[in-house]
Amino acid sequence: MKLTITSIKLKSPIHFFALSLHGMRIRGQLQKSAGLTKTKVTGFWTKHYTMTLWNDEASLRSFARNGHHLAAMKKSASLAKEISTLTIDADSLPTWKEATRLLHENGRIIQYNVDSRS
């Protein structure tokens, strides 16, 4: 199984509304996705986390590269200061404490320029 842990740091609290809209659409896509086993979401203010557990990498890639998730990824530079992501083999979702540790120690970080006009 494949576990993906993601965090997003928003540029500003005002971007939470756009993130929420994307999140609602992505949840709908997740509900229809083949191969999804479990999902968890947490966050507050400008820092948000997700975890998803997939039966196989093909299902994960199909979800990530299509639909509302792909549309949200294309908009991420306008919303986020930073996105961290990690995909590993796992049999279950870890605790949030363990997930954030794994993400901070091993995650891939994408940083966006913070533009005062955003």
PDB file of N, CA and C in Angstrom:
ATOM      1  N   MET A   1       0.845  -1.181   0.000  1.00  0.00           N
ATOM      2  CA  MET A   1       0.000   0.000   0.000  1.00  0.00           C
ATOM      3  C   MET A   1       0.892   1.246   0.000  1.00  0.00           C
ATOM      4  N   LYS A   2       0.336   2.347  -0.485  1.00  0.00           N
ATOM      5  CA  LYS A   2       1.057   3.612  -0.570  1.00  0.00           C
ATOM      6  C   LYS A   2       0.383   4.661   0.311  1.00  0.00           C
ATOM      7  N   LEU A   3       1.184   5.296   1.132  1.00  0.00           N
ATOM      8  CA  LEU A   3       0.743   6.373   2.016  1.00  0.00           C
ATOM      9  C   LEU A   3       1.307   7.682   1.487  1.00  0.00           C
ATOM     10  N   THR A   4       0.435   8.672   1.311  1.00  0.00           N
ATOM     11  CA  THR A   4       0.884  10.008   0.938  1.00  0.00           C
ATOM     12  C   THR A   4       0.505  10.970   2.056  1.00  0.00           C
ATOM     13  N   ILE A   5       1.494  11.731   2.509  1.00  0.00           N
ATOM     14  CA  ILE A   5       1.315  12.769   3.531  1.00  0.00           C
ATOM     15  C   ILE A   5       1.657  14.092   2.870  1.00  0.00           C
ATOM     16  N   THR A   6       0.791  15.075   3.043  1.00  0.00           N
ATOM     17  CA  THR A   6       1.006  16.378   2.421  1.00  0.00           C
ATOM     18  C   THR A   6       0.710  17.484   3.421  1.00  0.00           C
ATOM     19  N   SER A   7       1.507  18.543   3.361  1.00  0.00           N
ATOM     20  CA  SER A   7       1.185  19.751   4.127  1.00  0.00           C
ATOM     21  C   SER A   7       1.218  20.937   3.184  1.00  0.00           C
ATOM     22  N   ILE A   8       0.402  21.916   3.498  1.00  0.00           N
ATOM     23  CA  ILE A   8       0.383  23.163   2.729  1.00  0.00           C
ATOM     24  C   ILE A   8       0.396  24.325   3.715  1.00  0.00           C
ATOM     25  N   LYS A   9       1.308  25.268   3.478  1.00  0.00           N
ATOM     26  CA  LYS A   9       1.351  26.520   4.236  1.00  0.00           C
ATOM     27  C   LYS A   9       0.820  27.594   3.309  1.00  0.00           C
ATOM     28  N   LEU A  10      -0.307  28.169   3.689  1.00  0.00           N
ATOM     29  CA  LEU A  10      -0.923  29.201   2.862  1.00  0.00           C
ATOM     30  C   LEU A  10      -0.161  30.512   2.950  1.00  0.00           C
ATOM     31  N   LYS A  11      -0.229  31.295   1.893  1.00  0.00           N
ATOM     32  CA  LYS A  11       0.409  32.609   1.879  1.00  0.00           C
ATOM     33  C   LYS A  11      -0.230  33.543   2.890  1.00  0.00           C
ATOM     34  N   SER A  12      -1.536  33.372   3.093  1.00  0.00           N
ATOM     35  CA  SER A  12      -2.286  34.257   3.972  1.00  0.00           C
ATOM     36  C   SER A  12      -3.550  33.530   4.419  1.00  0.00           C
ATOM     37  N   PRO A  13      -4.097  33.892   5.587  1.00  0.00           N
ATOM     38  CA  PRO A  13      -5.346  33.270   6.026  1.00  0.00           C
ATOM     39  C   PRO A  13      -6.498  33.472   5.035  1.00  0.00           C
ATOM     40  N   ILE A  14      -6.480  34.522   4.264  1.00  0.00           N
ATOM     41  CA  ILE A  14      -7.544  34.780   3.295  1.00  0.00           C
ATOM     42  C   ILE A  14      -7.613  33.671   2.238  1.00  0.00           C
ATOM     43  N   HIS A  15      -6.499  32.990   1.984  1.00  0.00           N
ATOM     44  CA  HIS A  15      -6.472  31.909   1.000  1.00  0.00           C
ATOM     45  C   HIS A  15      -7.167  30.641   1.500  1.00  0.00           C
ATOM     46  N   PHE A  16      -7.533  30.618   2.779  1.00  0.00           N
ATOM     47  CA  PHE A  16      -8.237  29.459   3.323  1.00  0.00           C
ATOM     48  C   PHE A  16      -9.545  29.193   2.572  1.00  0.00           C
ATOM     49  N   PHE A  17     -10.222  30.238   2.142  1.00  0.00           N
ATOM     50  CA  PHE A  17     -11.508  30.069   1.466  1.00  0.00           C
ATOM     51  C   PHE A  17     -11.341  29.367   0.117  1.00  0.00           C
ATOM     52  N   ALA A  18     -10.326  29.752  -0.629  1.00  0.00           N
ATOM     53  CA  ALA A  18     -10.052  29.079  -1.906  1.00  0.00           C
ATOM     54  C   ALA A  18      -9.599  27.642  -1.662  1.00  0.00           C
ATOM     55  N   LEU A  19      -8.779  27.439  -0.632  1.00  0.00           N
ATOM     56  CA  LEU A  19      -8.338  26.081  -0.287  1.00  0.00           C
ATOM     57  C   LEU A  19      -9.536  25.207   0.080  1.00  0.00           C
ATOM     58  N   SER A  20     -10.469  25.755   0.822  1.00  0.00           N
ATOM     59  CA  SER A  20     -11.659  25.001   1.217  1.00  0.00           C
ATOM     60  C   SER A  20     -12.495  24.602   0.011  1.00  0.00           C
ATOM     61  N   LEU A  21     -12.640  25.497  -0.943  1.00  0.00           N
ATOM     62  CA  LEU A  21     -13.389  25.183  -2.156  1.00  0.00           C
ATOM     63  C   LEU A  21     -12.717  24.039  -2.916  1.00  0.00           C
ATOM     64  N   HIS A  22     -11.399  24.133  -3.079  1.00  0.00           N
ATOM     65  CA  HIS A  22     -10.657  23.044  -3.725  1.00  0.00           C
ATOM     66  C   HIS A  22     -10.815  21.753  -2.925  1.00  0.00           C
ATOM     67  N   GLY A  23     -10.734  21.868  -1.605  1.00  0.00           N
ATOM     68  CA  GLY A  23     -10.855  20.694  -0.738  1.00  0.00           C
ATOM     69  C   GLY A  23     -12.189  19.981  -0.892  1.00  0.00           C
ATOM     70  N   MET A  24     -13.267  20.730  -0.991  1.00  0.00           N
ATOM     71  CA  MET A  24     -14.594  20.123  -1.173  1.00  0.00           C
ATOM     72  C   MET A  24     -14.662  19.353  -2.492  1.00  0.00           C
ATOM     73  N   ARG A  25     -14.124  19.955  -3.529  1.00  0.00           N
ATOM     74  CA  ARG A  25     -14.133  19.296  -4.837  1.00  0.00           C
ATOM     75  C   ARG A  25     -13.249  18.045  -4.839  1.00  0.00           C
ATOM     76  N   ILE A  26     -12.095  18.157  -4.204  1.00  0.00           N
ATOM     77  CA  ILE A  26     -11.177  17.020  -4.138  1.00  0.00           C
ATOM     78  C   ILE A  26     -11.788  15.885  -3.325  1.00  0.00           C
ATOM     79  N   ARG A  27     -12.474  16.199  -2.231  1.00  0.00           N
ATOM     80  CA  ARG A  27     -13.144  15.148  -1.440  1.00  0.00           C
ATOM     81  C   ARG A  27     -14.148  14.378  -2.299  1.00  0.00           C
ATOM     82  N   GLY A  28     -14.874  15.089  -3.145  1.00  0.00           N
ATOM     83  CA  GLY A  28     -15.798  14.425  -4.057  1.00  0.00           C
ATOM     84  C   GLY A  28     -15.073  13.493  -5.010  1.00  0.00           C
ATOM     85  N   GLN A  29     -13.936  13.950  -5.516  1.00  0.00           N
ATOM     86  CA  GLN A  29     -13.124  13.105  -6.393  1.00  0.00           C
ATOM     87  C   GLN A  29     -12.598  11.896  -5.629  1.00  0.00           C
ATOM     88  N   LEU A  30     -12.161  12.105  -4.389  1.00  0.00           N
ATOM     89  CA  LEU A  30     -11.649  10.998  -3.568  1.00  0.00           C
ATOM     90  C   LEU A  30     -12.721   9.923  -3.363  1.00  0.00           C
ATOM     91  N   GLN A  31     -13.949  10.339  -3.107  1.00  0.00           N
ATOM     92  CA  GLN A  31     -15.029   9.392  -2.854  1.00  0.00           C
ATOM     93  C   GLN A  31     -15.288   8.487  -4.049  1.00  0.00           C
ATOM     94  N   LYS A  32     -14.958   8.948  -5.236  1.00  0.00           N
ATOM     95  CA  LYS A  32     -15.169   8.164  -6.446  1.00  0.00           C
ATOM     96  C   LYS A  32     -13.908   7.416  -6.891  1.00  0.00           C
ATOM     97  N   SER A  33     -12.801   7.606  -6.173  1.00  0.00           N
ATOM     98  CA  SER A  33     -11.526   7.035  -6.594  1.00  0.00           C
ATOM     99  C   SER A  33     -11.406   5.563  -6.251  1.00  0.00           C
ATOM    100  N   ALA A  34     -10.997   4.796  -7.230  1.00  0.00           N
ATOM    101  CA  ALA A  34     -10.705   3.381  -6.996  1.00  0.00           C
ATOM    102  C   ALA A  34      -9.361   3.280  -6.289  1.00  0.00           C
ATOM    103  N   GLY A  35      -9.251   2.365  -5.371  1.00  0.00           N
ATOM    104  CA  GLY A  35      -7.974   2.120  -4.724  1.00  0.00           C
ATOM    105  C   GLY A  35      -7.718   2.910  -3.459  1.00  0.00           C
ATOM    106  N   LEU A  36      -8.574   3.851  -3.109  1.00  0.00           N
ATOM    107  CA  LEU A  36      -8.390   4.609  -1.877  1.00  0.00           C
ATOM    108  C   LEU A  36      -8.854   3.764  -0.696  1.00  0.00           C
ATOM    109  N   THR A  37      -8.014   3.658   0.323  1.00  0.00           N
ATOM    110  CA  THR A  37      -8.346   2.880   1.509  1.00  0.00           C
ATOM    111  C   THR A  37      -8.817   3.770   2.651  1.00  0.00           C
ATOM    112  N   LYS A  38      -8.020   4.801   2.980  1.00  0.00           N
ATOM    113  CA  LYS A  38      -8.349   5.700   4.098  1.00  0.00           C
ATOM    114  C   LYS A  38      -7.818   7.090   3.799  1.00  0.00           C
ATOM    115  N   THR A  39      -8.422   8.070   4.474  1.00  0.00           N
ATOM    116  CA  THR A  39      -7.969   9.449   4.351  1.00  0.00           C
ATOM    117  C   THR A  39      -8.200  10.176   5.670  1.00  0.00           C
ATOM    118  N   LYS A  40      -7.332  11.141   5.965  1.00  0.00           N
ATOM    119  CA  LYS A  40      -7.457  12.015   7.138  1.00  0.00           C
ATOM    120  C   LYS A  40      -7.031  13.415   6.736  1.00  0.00           C
ATOM    121  N   VAL A  41      -7.675  14.404   7.340  1.00  0.00           N
ATOM    122  CA  VAL A  41      -7.362  15.802   7.069  1.00  0.00           C
ATOM    123  C   VAL A  41      -7.360  16.551   8.396  1.00  0.00           C
ATOM    124  N   THR A  42      -6.407  17.462   8.552  1.00  0.00           N
ATOM    125  CA  THR A  42      -6.389  18.333   9.726  1.00  0.00           C
ATOM    126  C   THR A  42      -5.734  19.652   9.341  1.00  0.00           C
ATOM    127  N   GLY A  43      -5.927  20.639  10.159  1.00  0.00           N
ATOM    128  CA  GLY A  43      -5.272  21.913   9.913  1.00  0.00           C
ATOM    129  C   GLY A  43      -6.039  23.063  10.521  1.00  0.00           C
ATOM    130  N   PHE A  44      -5.355  24.193  10.561  1.00  0.00           N
ATOM    131  CA  PHE A  44      -5.935  25.397  11.119  1.00  0.00           C
ATOM    132  C   PHE A  44      -5.180  26.594  10.571  1.00  0.00           C
ATOM    133  N   TRP A  45      -5.904  27.651  10.328  1.00  0.00           N
ATOM    134  CA  TRP A  45      -5.358  28.930   9.913  1.00  0.00           C
ATOM    135  C   TRP A  45      -4.596  28.808   8.605  1.00  0.00           C
ATOM    136  N   THR A  46      -3.275  28.805   8.617  1.00  0.00           N
ATOM    137  CA  THR A  46      -2.519  28.759   7.372  1.00  0.00           C
ATOM    138  C   THR A  46      -1.758  27.446   7.168  1.00  0.00           C
ATOM    139  N   LYS A  47      -1.916  26.471   8.048  1.00  0.00           N
ATOM    140  CA  LYS A  47      -1.188  25.197   7.932  1.00  0.00           C
ATOM    141  C   LYS A  47      -2.191  24.043   7.913  1.00  0.00           C
ATOM    142  N   HIS A  48      -2.130  23.242   6.843  1.00  0.00           N
ATOM    143  CA  HIS A  48      -3.090  22.151   6.668  1.00  0.00           C
ATOM    144  C   HIS A  48      -2.369  20.883   6.226  1.00  0.00           C
ATOM    145  N   TYR A  49      -2.888  19.726   6.667  1.00  0.00           N
ATOM    146  CA  TYR A  49      -2.288  18.428   6.374  1.00  0.00           C
ATOM    147  C   TYR A  49      -3.325  17.455   5.825  1.00  0.00           C
ATOM    148  N   THR A  50      -2.868  16.549   4.957  1.00  0.00           N
ATOM    149  CA  THR A  50      -3.700  15.434   4.516  1.00  0.00           C
ATOM    150  C   THR A  50      -2.873  14.156   4.543  1.00  0.00           C
ATOM    151  N   MET A  51      -3.569  13.040   4.743  1.00  0.00           N
ATOM    152  CA  MET A  51      -2.975  11.719   4.605  1.00  0.00           C
ATOM    153  C   MET A  51      -3.952  10.875   3.802  1.00  0.00           C
ATOM    154  N   THR A  52      -3.434  10.137   2.839  1.00  0.00           N
ATOM    155  CA  THR A  52      -4.252   9.183   2.094  1.00  0.00           C
ATOM    156  C   THR A  52      -3.500   7.869   1.990  1.00  0.00           C
ATOM    157  N   LEU A  53      -4.235   6.784   2.093  1.00  0.00           N
ATOM    158  CA  LEU A  53      -3.668   5.445   1.990  1.00  0.00           C
ATOM    159  C   LEU A  53      -4.311   4.760   0.785  1.00  0.00           C
ATOM    160  N   TRP A  54      -3.492   4.290  -0.120  1.00  0.00           N
ATOM    161  CA  TRP A  54      -3.930   3.724  -1.396  1.00  0.00           C
ATOM    162  C   TRP A  54      -3.537   2.260  -1.491  1.00  0.00           C
ATOM    163  N   ASN A  55      -4.349   1.478  -2.185  1.00  0.00           N
ATOM    164  CA  ASN A  55      -4.043   0.067  -2.399  1.00  0.00           C
ATOM    165  C   ASN A  55      -2.804  -0.127  -3.259  1.00  0.00           C
ATOM    166  N   ASP A  56      -2.592   0.792  -4.216  1.00  0.00           N
ATOM    167  CA  ASP A  56      -1.452   0.662  -5.125  1.00  0.00           C
ATOM    168  C   ASP A  56      -1.066   2.025  -5.683  1.00  0.00           C
ATOM    169  N   GLU A  57       0.128   2.090  -6.246  1.00  0.00           N
ATOM    170  CA  GLU A  57       0.651   3.345  -6.769  1.00  0.00           C
ATOM    171  C   GLU A  57      -0.124   3.828  -7.994  1.00  0.00           C
ATOM    172  N   ALA A  58      -0.626   2.907  -8.806  1.00  0.00           N
ATOM    173  CA  ALA A  58      -1.381   3.300 -10.000  1.00  0.00           C
ATOM    174  C   ALA A  58      -2.643   4.083  -9.623  1.00  0.00           C
ATOM    175  N   SER A  59      -3.343   3.644  -8.579  1.00  0.00           N
ATOM    176  CA  SER A  59      -4.545   4.356  -8.126  1.00  0.00           C
ATOM    177  C   SER A  59      -4.191   5.744  -7.608  1.00  0.00           C
ATOM    178  N   LEU A  60      -3.118   5.830  -6.852  1.00  0.00           N
ATOM    179  CA  LEU A  60      -2.638   7.113  -6.332  1.00  0.00           C
ATOM    180  C   LEU A  60      -2.318   8.059  -7.478  1.00  0.00           C
ATOM    181  N   ARG A  61      -1.554   7.606  -8.439  1.00  0.00           N
ATOM    182  CA  ARG A  61      -1.153   8.457  -9.566  1.00  0.00           C
ATOM    183  C   ARG A  61      -2.354   8.886 -10.411  1.00  0.00           C
ATOM    184  N   SER A  62      -3.291   7.977 -10.613  1.00  0.00           N
ATOM    185  CA  SER A  62      -4.489   8.316 -11.375  1.00  0.00           C
ATOM    186  C   SER A  62      -5.269   9.441 -10.701  1.00  0.00           C
ATOM    187  N   PHE A  63      -5.420   9.358  -9.390  1.00  0.00           N
ATOM    188  CA  PHE A  63      -6.104  10.417  -8.644  1.00  0.00           C
ATOM    189  C   PHE A  63      -5.342  11.741  -8.742  1.00  0.00           C
ATOM    190  N   ALA A  64      -4.038  11.688  -8.459  1.00  0.00           N
ATOM    191  CA  ALA A  64      -3.240  12.911  -8.366  1.00  0.00           C
ATOM    192  C   ALA A  64      -3.133  13.661  -9.688  1.00  0.00           C
ATOM    193  N   ARG A  65      -3.207  12.959 -10.783  1.00  0.00           N
ATOM    194  CA  ARG A  65      -2.967  13.569 -12.092  1.00  0.00           C
ATOM    195  C   ARG A  65      -4.232  13.843 -12.892  1.00  0.00           C
ATOM    196  N   ASN A  66      -5.373  13.864 -12.212  1.00  0.00           N
ATOM    197  CA  ASN A  66      -6.638  14.073 -12.912  1.00  0.00           C
ATOM    198  C   ASN A  66      -7.597  14.933 -12.096  1.00  0.00           C
ATOM    199  N   GLY A  67      -8.621  15.415 -12.775  1.00  0.00           N
ATOM    200  CA  GLY A  67      -9.763  16.043 -12.129  1.00  0.00           C
ATOM    201  C   GLY A  67      -9.460  17.247 -11.261  1.00  0.00           C
ATOM    202  N   HIS A  68     -10.211  17.322 -10.165  1.00  0.00           N
ATOM    203  CA  HIS A  68     -10.111  18.478  -9.269  1.00  0.00           C
ATOM    204  C   HIS A  68      -8.752  18.565  -8.582  1.00  0.00           C
ATOM    205  N   HIS A  69      -8.136  17.414  -8.299  1.00  0.00           N
ATOM    206  CA  HIS A  69      -6.813  17.453  -7.671  1.00  0.00           C
ATOM    207  C   HIS A  69      -5.799  18.106  -8.607  1.00  0.00           C
ATOM    208  N   LEU A  70      -5.809  17.731  -9.861  1.00  0.00           N
ATOM    209  CA  LEU A  70      -4.899  18.336 -10.830  1.00  0.00           C
ATOM    210  C   LEU A  70      -5.164  19.836 -10.963  1.00  0.00           C
ATOM    211  N   ALA A  71      -6.429  20.228 -11.012  1.00  0.00           N
ATOM    212  CA  ALA A  71      -6.779  21.655 -11.109  1.00  0.00           C
ATOM    213  C   ALA A  71      -6.259  22.425  -9.897  1.00  0.00           C
ATOM    214  N   ALA A  72      -6.387  21.835  -8.712  1.00  0.00           N
ATOM    215  CA  ALA A  72      -5.896  22.487  -7.491  1.00  0.00           C
ATOM    216  C   ALA A  72      -4.374  22.599  -7.502  1.00  0.00           C
ATOM    217  N   MET A  73      -3.701  21.567  -7.992  1.00  0.00           N
ATOM    218  CA  MET A  73      -2.232  21.613  -8.064  1.00  0.00           C
ATOM    219  C   MET A  73      -1.778  22.764  -8.965  1.00  0.00           C
ATOM    220  N   LYS A  74      -2.504  22.997 -10.033  1.00  0.00           N
ATOM    221  CA  LYS A  74      -2.143  24.076 -10.959  1.00  0.00           C
ATOM    222  C   LYS A  74      -2.318  25.451 -10.314  1.00  0.00           C
ATOM    223  N   LYS A  75      -3.192  25.557  -9.318  1.00  0.00           N
ATOM    224  CA  LYS A  75      -3.436  26.827  -8.622  1.00  0.00           C
ATOM    225  C   LYS A  75      -2.586  26.991  -7.361  1.00  0.00           C
ATOM    226  N   SER A  76      -1.827  25.968  -6.995  1.00  0.00           N
ATOM    227  CA  SER A  76      -1.130  25.974  -5.705  1.00  0.00           C
ATOM    228  C   SER A  76      -0.161  27.141  -5.539  1.00  0.00           C
ATOM    229  N   ALA A  77       0.503  27.557  -6.598  1.00  0.00           N
ATOM    230  CA  ALA A  77       1.456  28.662  -6.478  1.00  0.00           C
ATOM    231  C   ALA A  77       0.772  29.972  -6.093  1.00  0.00           C
ATOM    232  N   SER A  78      -0.501  30.118  -6.417  1.00  0.00           N
ATOM    233  CA  SER A  78      -1.203  31.348  -6.062  1.00  0.00           C
ATOM    234  C   SER A  78      -1.729  31.319  -4.629  1.00  0.00           C
ATOM    235  N   LEU A  79      -1.791  30.138  -3.999  1.00  0.00           N
ATOM    236  CA  LEU A  79      -2.327  30.000  -2.648  1.00  0.00           C
ATOM    237  C   LEU A  79      -1.269  29.752  -1.581  1.00  0.00           C
ATOM    238  N   ALA A  80      -0.219  29.015  -1.955  1.00  0.00           N
ATOM    239  CA  ALA A  80       0.708  28.476  -0.955  1.00  0.00           C
ATOM    240  C   ALA A  80       2.066  29.156  -0.945  1.00  0.00           C
ATOM    241  N   LYS A  81       2.640  29.199   0.256  1.00  0.00           N
ATOM    242  CA  LYS A  81       4.052  29.555   0.421  1.00  0.00           C
ATOM    243  C   LYS A  81       4.901  28.315   0.204  1.00  0.00           C
ATOM    244  N   GLU A  82       4.358  27.179   0.706  1.00  0.00           N
ATOM    245  CA  GLU A  82       5.136  25.944   0.694  1.00  0.00           C
ATOM    246  C   GLU A  82       4.207  24.738   0.716  1.00  0.00           C
ATOM    247  N   ILE A  83       4.576  23.720  -0.030  1.00  0.00           N
ATOM    248  CA  ILE A  83       3.891  22.436   0.010  1.00  0.00           C
ATOM    249  C   ILE A  83       4.948  21.361   0.227  1.00  0.00           C
ATOM    250  N   SER A  84       4.691  20.483   1.177  1.00  0.00           N
ATOM    251  CA  SER A  84       5.578  19.341   1.432  1.00  0.00           C
ATOM    252  C   SER A  84       4.786  18.077   1.170  1.00  0.00           C
ATOM    253  N   THR A  85       5.456  17.093   0.575  1.00  0.00           N
ATOM    254  CA  THR A  85       4.781  15.837   0.286  1.00  0.00           C
ATOM    255  C   THR A  85       5.734  14.657   0.445  1.00  0.00           C
ATOM    256  N   LEU A  86       5.159  13.545   0.836  1.00  0.00           N
ATOM    257  CA  LEU A  86       5.932  12.316   1.024  1.00  0.00           C
ATOM    258  C   LEU A  86       5.031  11.143   0.686  1.00  0.00           C
ATOM    259  N   THR A  87       5.535  10.236  -0.123  1.00  0.00           N
ATOM    260  CA  THR A  87       4.822   8.992  -0.424  1.00  0.00           C
ATOM    261  C   THR A  87       5.733   7.836  -0.061  1.00  0.00           C
ATOM    262  N   ILE A  88       5.216   6.937   0.787  1.00  0.00           N
ATOM    263  CA  ILE A  88       5.993   5.792   1.263  1.00  0.00           C
ATOM    264  C   ILE A  88       5.105   4.552   1.287  1.00  0.00           C
ATOM    265  N   ASP A  89       5.726   3.404   1.431  1.00  0.00           N
ATOM    266  CA  ASP A  89       4.985   2.166   1.649  1.00  0.00           C
ATOM    267  C   ASP A  89       4.528   2.114   3.100  1.00  0.00           C
ATOM    268  N   ALA A  90       3.275   1.743   3.320  1.00  0.00           N
ATOM    269  CA  ALA A  90       2.722   1.636   4.678  1.00  0.00           C
ATOM    270  C   ALA A  90       1.486   0.757   4.636  1.00  0.00           C
ATOM    271  N   ASP A  91       1.152   0.161   5.773  1.00  0.00           N
ATOM    272  CA  ASP A  91      -0.036  -0.682   5.874  1.00  0.00           C
ATOM    273  C   ASP A  91      -1.217   0.031   6.523  1.00  0.00           C
ATOM    274  N   SER A  92      -0.939   1.189   7.165  1.00  0.00           N
ATOM    275  CA  SER A  92      -1.994   1.930   7.850  1.00  0.00           C
ATOM    276  C   SER A  92      -1.591   3.394   7.954  1.00  0.00           C
ATOM    277  N   LEU A  93      -2.553   4.228   8.331  1.00  0.00           N
ATOM    278  CA  LEU A  93      -2.260   5.639   8.560  1.00  0.00           C
ATOM    279  C   LEU A  93      -1.542   5.793   9.889  1.00  0.00           C
ATOM    280  N   PRO A  94      -0.469   6.570   9.938  1.00  0.00           N
ATOM    281  CA  PRO A  94       0.200   6.829  11.211  1.00  0.00           C
ATOM    282  C   PRO A  94      -0.570   7.873  12.024  1.00  0.00           C
ATOM    283  N   THR A  95      -0.135   8.103  13.248  1.00  0.00           N
ATOM    284  CA  THR A  95      -0.680   9.210  14.032  1.00  0.00           C
ATOM    285  C   THR A  95      -0.242  10.517  13.368  1.00  0.00           C
ATOM    286  N   TRP A  96      -0.918  11.603  13.694  1.00  0.00           N
ATOM    287  CA  TRP A  96      -0.504  12.895  13.132  1.00  0.00           C
ATOM    288  C   TRP A  96       0.903  13.251  13.575  1.00  0.00           C
ATOM    289  N   LYS A  97       1.249  12.929  14.801  1.00  0.00           N
ATOM    290  CA  LYS A  97       2.599  13.227  15.303  1.00  0.00           C
ATOM    291  C   LYS A  97       3.647  12.507  14.459  1.00  0.00           C
ATOM    292  N   GLU A  98       3.425  11.226  14.199  1.00  0.00           N
ATOM    293  CA  GLU A  98       4.356  10.447  13.387  1.00  0.00           C
ATOM    294  C   GLU A  98       4.355  10.937  11.941  1.00  0.00           C
ATOM    295  N   ALA A  99       3.194  11.255  11.408  1.00  0.00           N
ATOM    296  CA  ALA A  99       3.095  11.734  10.022  1.00  0.00           C
ATOM    297  C   ALA A  99       3.871  13.032   9.825  1.00  0.00           C
ATOM    298  N   THR A 100       3.712  13.973  10.744  1.00  0.00           N
ATOM    299  CA  THR A 100       4.429  15.246  10.592  1.00  0.00           C
ATOM    300  C   THR A 100       5.929  15.052  10.754  1.00  0.00           C
ATOM    301  N   ARG A 101       6.328  14.143  11.630  1.00  0.00           N
ATOM    302  CA  ARG A 101       7.766  13.845  11.780  1.00  0.00           C
ATOM    303  C   ARG A 101       8.319  13.286  10.473  1.00  0.00           C
ATOM    304  N   LEU A 102       7.637  12.290   9.906  1.00  0.00           N
ATOM    305  CA  LEU A 102       8.083  11.696   8.640  1.00  0.00           C
ATOM    306  C   LEU A 102       8.152  12.744   7.532  1.00  0.00           C
ATOM    307  N   LEU A 103       7.143  13.584   7.464  1.00  0.00           N
ATOM    308  CA  LEU A 103       7.087  14.605   6.424  1.00  0.00           C
ATOM    309  C   LEU A 103       8.234  15.596   6.566  1.00  0.00           C
ATOM    310  N   HIS A 104       8.496  16.049   7.784  1.00  0.00           N
ATOM    311  CA  HIS A 104       9.564  17.025   8.003  1.00  0.00           C
ATOM    312  C   HIS A 104      10.952  16.419   7.789  1.00  0.00           C
ATOM    313  N   GLU A 105      11.114  15.147   8.098  1.00  0.00           N
ATOM    314  CA  GLU A 105      12.425  14.502   7.940  1.00  0.00           C
ATOM    315  C   GLU A 105      12.695  14.045   6.510  1.00  0.00           C
ATOM    316  N   ASN A 106      11.662  13.624   5.780  1.00  0.00           N
ATOM    317  CA  ASN A 106      11.878  12.969   4.492  1.00  0.00           C
ATOM    318  C   ASN A 106      11.095  13.560   3.329  1.00  0.00           C
ATOM    319  N   GLY A 107      10.247  14.542   3.589  1.00  0.00           N
ATOM    320  CA  GLY A 107       9.365  15.062   2.552  1.00  0.00           C
ATOM    321  C   GLY A 107      10.072  15.905   1.508  1.00  0.00           C
ATOM    322  N   ARG A 108       9.439  15.978   0.346  1.00  0.00           N
ATOM    323  CA  ARG A 108       9.904  16.853  -0.726  1.00  0.00           C
ATOM    324  C   ARG A 108       9.196  18.188  -0.536  1.00  0.00           C
ATOM    325  N   ILE A 109       9.961  19.270  -0.537  1.00  0.00           N
ATOM    326  CA  ILE A 109       9.421  20.601  -0.273  1.00  0.00           C
ATOM    327  C   ILE A 109       9.414  21.427  -1.553  1.00  0.00           C
ATOM    328  N   ILE A 110       8.267  22.027  -1.829  1.00  0.00           N
ATOM    329  CA  ILE A 110       8.137  22.963  -2.942  1.00  0.00           C
ATOM    330  C   ILE A 110       7.848  24.318  -2.319  1.00  0.00           C
ATOM    331  N   GLN A 111       8.720  25.284  -2.573  1.00  0.00           N
ATOM    332  CA  GLN A 111       8.518  26.630  -2.038  1.00  0.00           C
ATOM    333  C   GLN A 111       8.165  27.571  -3.182  1.00  0.00           C
ATOM    334  N   TYR A 112       7.201  28.445  -2.908  1.00  0.00           N
ATOM    335  CA  TYR A 112       6.759  29.416  -3.900  1.00  0.00           C
ATOM    336  C   TYR A 112       7.159  30.796  -3.422  1.00  0.00           C
ATOM    337  N   ASN A 113       7.403  31.675  -4.383  1.00  0.00           N
ATOM    338  CA  ASN A 113       7.713  33.059  -4.045  1.00  0.00           C
ATOM    339  C   ASN A 113       6.481  33.686  -3.417  1.00  0.00           C
ATOM    340  N   VAL A 114       6.707  34.405  -2.341  1.00  0.00           N
ATOM    341  CA  VAL A 114       5.610  35.117  -1.701  1.00  0.00           C
ATOM    342  C   VAL A 114       5.588  36.508  -2.278  1.00  0.00           C
ATOM    343  N   ASP A 115       4.541  36.804  -3.031  1.00  0.00           N
ATOM    344  CA  ASP A 115       4.389  38.068  -3.705  1.00  0.00           C
ATOM    345  C   ASP A 115       3.413  38.923  -2.899  1.00  0.00           C
ATOM    346  N   SER A 116       3.779  40.111  -2.578  1.00  0.00           N
ATOM    347  CA  SER A 116       2.935  40.983  -1.768  1.00  0.00           C
ATOM    348  C   SER A 116       1.600  41.293  -2.461  1.00  0.00           C
ATOM    349  N   ARG A 117       1.484  41.046  -3.780  1.00  0.00           N
ATOM    350  CA  ARG A 117       0.242  41.305  -4.504  1.00  0.00           C
ATOM    351  C   ARG A 117      -0.738  40.161  -4.408  1.00  0.00           C
ATOM    352  N   SER A 118      -0.360  39.019  -3.793  1.00  0.00           N
ATOM    353  CA  SER A 118      -1.272  37.860  -3.764  1.00  0.00           C
ATOM    354  C   SER A 118      -2.320  37.979  -2.716  1.00  0.00           C
TER     355      SER A 118
END
